Amino acid sequence: MIQRYLITDPSFYTSEPISFENKLHEVLSSFEVDFICLRDKQTQNYKALAKVFKKFENKQRKLLLHTDYSLASQLGFWGVHLPSSQFHDIKKAKELGLYVVVSTHTFEEALHVKTLGADFITYSPIFHTPNKGEPKGLEKLKEINDKIDIKCFALGGIISDEQIKLCEDAGSFGFASIRYFIKG
């Protein structure tokens, strides 16, 4: 079964800890999720939000912080999701015992982060996503999955079950999305 990776965004979840907690509870009551990343580039107190987020960890659900591998280690998170601007931090995060997901946008980037020790990648955007450039498409996703031995989450514009099935058919380990998990 394809793995489900929820990525939070303050425009849907807010940066206020109590509202964030309530919204995430609401979403998780409607969706089974295997991985969740706390992604909030706006908050003035990411650590406080991370402490609330930590409450959502369980044996079936792996929690990751976005960008801040030191805080992820300090608070005992399973892993970190690094953006493509932080390839140089893969080794540091691994030395702290974290699992590392890295955002990639080309075949070369995916291959490079694999050699640097990343455990997973996101490859994006697969489908049209507002403000994310030209979609990579399913053919390029399949090429990554066929030629690089790394667990790949398809990301970008995934808002329907049909798109998830297409990503699974292209060999993806999982899919990652913000908007898929925000329905209604």
Protein backbone atom coordinates (compact mmCIF):
# COMPACT_ATOMS: atom_id res chain seq x y z
CA MET A 1 0.00 0.00 0.00
CA ILE A 2 1.27 3.44 -0.90
CA GLN A 3 2.47 5.48 2.09
CA ARG A 4 0.66 8.74 2.92
CA TYR A 5 2.72 11.80 3.86
CA LEU A 6 0.87 14.84 5.16
CA ILE A 7 2.73 18.15 5.05
CA THR A 8 1.28 20.95 7.14
CA ASP A 9 1.05 24.54 5.98
CA PRO A 10 0.12 27.52 8.16
CA SER A 11 -2.44 28.74 5.61
CA PHE A 12 -4.52 25.64 6.43
CA TYR A 13 -3.41 24.82 9.98
CA THR A 14 -2.44 28.22 11.47
CA SER A 15 0.70 28.90 13.48
CA GLU A 16 -1.15 29.24 16.77
CA PRO A 17 -0.52 26.06 18.81
CA ILE A 18 -4.06 25.34 20.09
CA SER A 19 -5.72 26.01 16.72
CA PHE A 20 -2.99 23.96 15.01
CA GLU A 21 -3.60 21.05 17.37
CA ASN A 22 -7.37 21.18 16.82
CA LYS A 23 -7.03 21.31 13.03
CA LEU A 24 -4.56 18.42 12.92
CA HIS A 25 -6.86 16.34 15.16
CA GLU A 26 -9.70 17.07 12.74
CA VAL A 27 -7.65 16.04 9.70
CA LEU A 28 -6.34 12.86 11.34
CA SER A 29 -9.88 11.82 12.25
CA SER A 30 -10.64 11.73 8.51
CA PHE A 31 -7.40 10.37 7.02
CA GLU A 32 -4.95 7.59 7.71
CA VAL A 33 -1.46 9.07 7.59
CA ASP A 34 1.92 7.35 7.82
CA PHE A 35 4.20 10.41 7.91
CA ILE A 36 3.60 14.04 8.90
CA CYS A 37 5.91 17.00 8.46
CA LEU A 38 5.49 20.20 10.46
CA ARG A 39 6.21 22.82 7.80
CA ASP A 40 5.69 26.40 8.96
CA LYS A 41 8.01 29.09 7.65
CA GLN A 42 5.93 31.90 9.19
CA THR A 43 5.76 31.16 12.90
CA GLN A 44 7.85 33.14 15.37
CA ASN A 45 7.92 30.15 17.74
CA TYR A 46 8.49 26.95 15.79
CA LYS A 47 9.70 25.18 18.94
CA ALA A 48 6.36 25.72 20.74
CA LEU A 49 4.49 24.47 17.69
CA ALA A 50 6.84 21.46 17.47
CA LYS A 51 6.10 20.54 21.09
CA VAL A 52 2.36 20.49 20.34
CA PHE A 53 3.02 18.54 17.13
CA LYS A 54 4.98 15.89 19.08
CA LYS A 55 1.70 14.81 20.75
CA PHE A 56 0.60 13.28 17.43
CA GLU A 57 3.36 10.68 17.32
CA ASN A 58 2.44 7.02 17.57
CA LYS A 59 3.87 3.68 16.44
CA GLN A 60 2.21 3.85 13.02
CA ARG A 61 2.86 7.55 12.37
CA LYS A 62 6.30 9.08 11.86
CA LEU A 63 6.75 12.77 12.61
CA LEU A 64 9.27 15.05 10.94
CA LEU A 65 10.24 18.65 11.44
CA HIS A 66 10.95 20.79 8.41
CA THR A 67 14.49 22.18 8.04
CA ASP A 68 15.52 22.25 11.73
CA TYR A 69 17.38 18.98 12.29
CA SER A 70 18.88 20.18 15.60
CA LEU A 71 15.43 20.81 17.08
CA ALA A 72 14.16 17.51 15.66
CA SER A 73 16.94 15.70 17.49
CA GLN A 74 16.53 17.73 20.70
CA LEU A 75 12.79 17.00 20.91
CA GLY A 76 13.13 13.34 19.91
CA PHE A 77 11.43 13.41 16.51
CA TRP A 78 11.73 10.49 14.09
CA GLY A 79 13.18 12.62 11.32
CA VAL A 80 13.63 15.82 9.40
CA HIS A 81 12.54 16.98 5.96
CA LEU A 82 15.25 19.07 4.35
CA PRO A 83 14.60 21.42 1.43
CA SER A 84 16.81 21.28 -1.66
CA SER A 85 18.85 24.19 -0.27
CA GLN A 86 20.06 21.97 2.61
CA PHE A 87 21.76 19.03 0.91
CA HIS A 88 24.85 19.91 2.95
CA ASP A 89 22.94 19.13 6.17
CA ILE A 90 22.06 15.51 5.32
CA LYS A 91 25.18 14.15 7.00
CA LYS A 92 24.67 16.29 10.13
CA ALA A 93 21.06 15.11 10.48
CA LYS A 94 22.10 11.47 9.99
CA GLU A 95 24.82 11.85 12.66
CA LEU A 96 22.05 12.90 15.08
CA GLY A 97 20.24 9.62 14.40
CA LEU A 98 17.44 11.16 12.35
CA TYR A 99 15.77 9.74 9.26
CA VAL A 100 16.12 12.23 6.45
CA VAL A 101 13.66 13.13 3.70
CA VAL A 102 15.02 15.55 1.10
CA SER A 103 13.11 17.62 -1.46
CA THR A 104 14.33 17.02 -5.01
CA HIS A 105 13.27 18.39 -8.37
CA THR A 106 15.58 16.66 -10.86
CA PHE A 107 16.95 13.18 -11.50
CA GLU A 108 20.46 14.49 -10.71
CA GLU A 109 19.38 15.90 -7.35
CA ALA A 110 17.69 12.62 -6.42
CA LEU A 111 20.81 10.65 -7.32
CA HIS A 112 23.05 13.12 -5.45
CA VAL A 113 21.10 13.03 -2.16
CA LYS A 114 21.03 9.24 -2.32
CA THR A 115 24.85 9.26 -2.37
CA LEU A 116 24.83 11.72 0.57
CA GLY A 117 22.81 9.29 2.69
CA ALA A 118 19.21 10.53 2.46
CA ASP A 119 16.67 7.88 3.45
CA PHE A 120 13.77 9.23 1.38
CA ILE A 121 13.11 11.90 -1.22
CA THR A 122 10.18 13.90 -2.37
CA TYR A 123 10.16 14.53 -6.10
CA SER A 124 8.09 17.44 -7.30
CA PRO A 125 5.96 18.86 -8.69
CA ILE A 126 4.32 15.87 -10.35
CA PHE A 127 1.07 17.63 -11.24
CA HIS A 128 0.21 21.32 -11.57
CA THR A 129 0.69 23.12 -8.27
CA PRO A 130 0.15 26.86 -7.78
CA ASN A 131 3.46 28.77 -7.94
CA LYS A 132 5.65 25.65 -8.31
CA GLY A 133 6.56 25.77 -12.00
CA GLU A 134 6.06 23.27 -14.77
CA PRO A 135 4.95 19.81 -13.58
CA LYS A 136 7.53 17.01 -13.91
CA GLY A 137 4.91 14.46 -14.83
CA LEU A 138 4.51 10.75 -14.28
CA GLU A 139 7.13 9.67 -16.81
CA LYS A 140 9.94 11.45 -14.96
CA LEU A 141 8.59 10.14 -11.66
CA LYS A 142 8.72 6.60 -13.04
CA GLU A 143 12.31 7.18 -14.20
CA ILE A 144 13.36 8.20 -10.67
CA ASN A 145 11.60 5.17 -9.17
CA ASP A 146 13.04 2.76 -11.75
CA LYS A 147 16.65 3.99 -11.72
CA ILE A 148 17.41 5.18 -8.18
CA ASP A 149 17.23 2.89 -5.19
CA ILE A 150 15.65 5.32 -2.74
CA LYS A 151 12.14 5.57 -1.32
CA CYS A 152 10.36 8.31 -3.22
CA PHE A 153 7.30 10.31 -2.25
CA ALA A 154 5.56 11.87 -5.25
CA LEU A 155 4.69 15.47 -4.38
CA GLY A 156 2.95 18.37 -6.00
CA GLY A 157 -0.63 18.83 -7.08
CA ILE A 158 -1.83 15.53 -5.64
CA ILE A 159 -5.41 16.19 -4.65
CA SER A 160 -7.33 13.08 -5.77
CA ASP A 161 -7.32 9.33 -5.27
CA GLU A 162 -6.88 8.91 -9.04
CA GLN A 163 -3.62 10.88 -8.93
CA ILE A 164 -2.42 8.79 -5.99
CA LYS A 165 -3.07 5.61 -7.98
CA LEU A 166 -1.11 7.03 -10.94
CA CYS A 167 1.85 7.77 -8.64
CA GLU A 168 1.66 4.29 -7.18
CA ASP A 169 1.58 2.82 -10.71
CA ALA A 170 4.73 4.86 -11.46
CA GLY A 171 6.48 2.98 -8.65
CA SER A 172 6.33 5.54 -5.86
CA PHE A 173 6.82 4.42 -2.27
CA GLY A 174 4.35 7.09 -1.24
CA PHE A 175 2.76 10.42 -1.96
CA ALA A 176 3.10 13.67 -0.07
CA SER A 177 0.55 16.44 -0.10
CA ILE A 178 -0.77 19.46 1.70
CA ARG A 179 -4.09 19.96 -0.10
CA TYR A 180 -5.17 16.30 -0.45
CA PHE A 181 -5.66 16.11 3.31
CA ILE A 182 -7.64 19.37 3.45
CA LYS A 183 -11.04 18.57 1.97
CA GLY A 184 -14.25 20.42 2.61
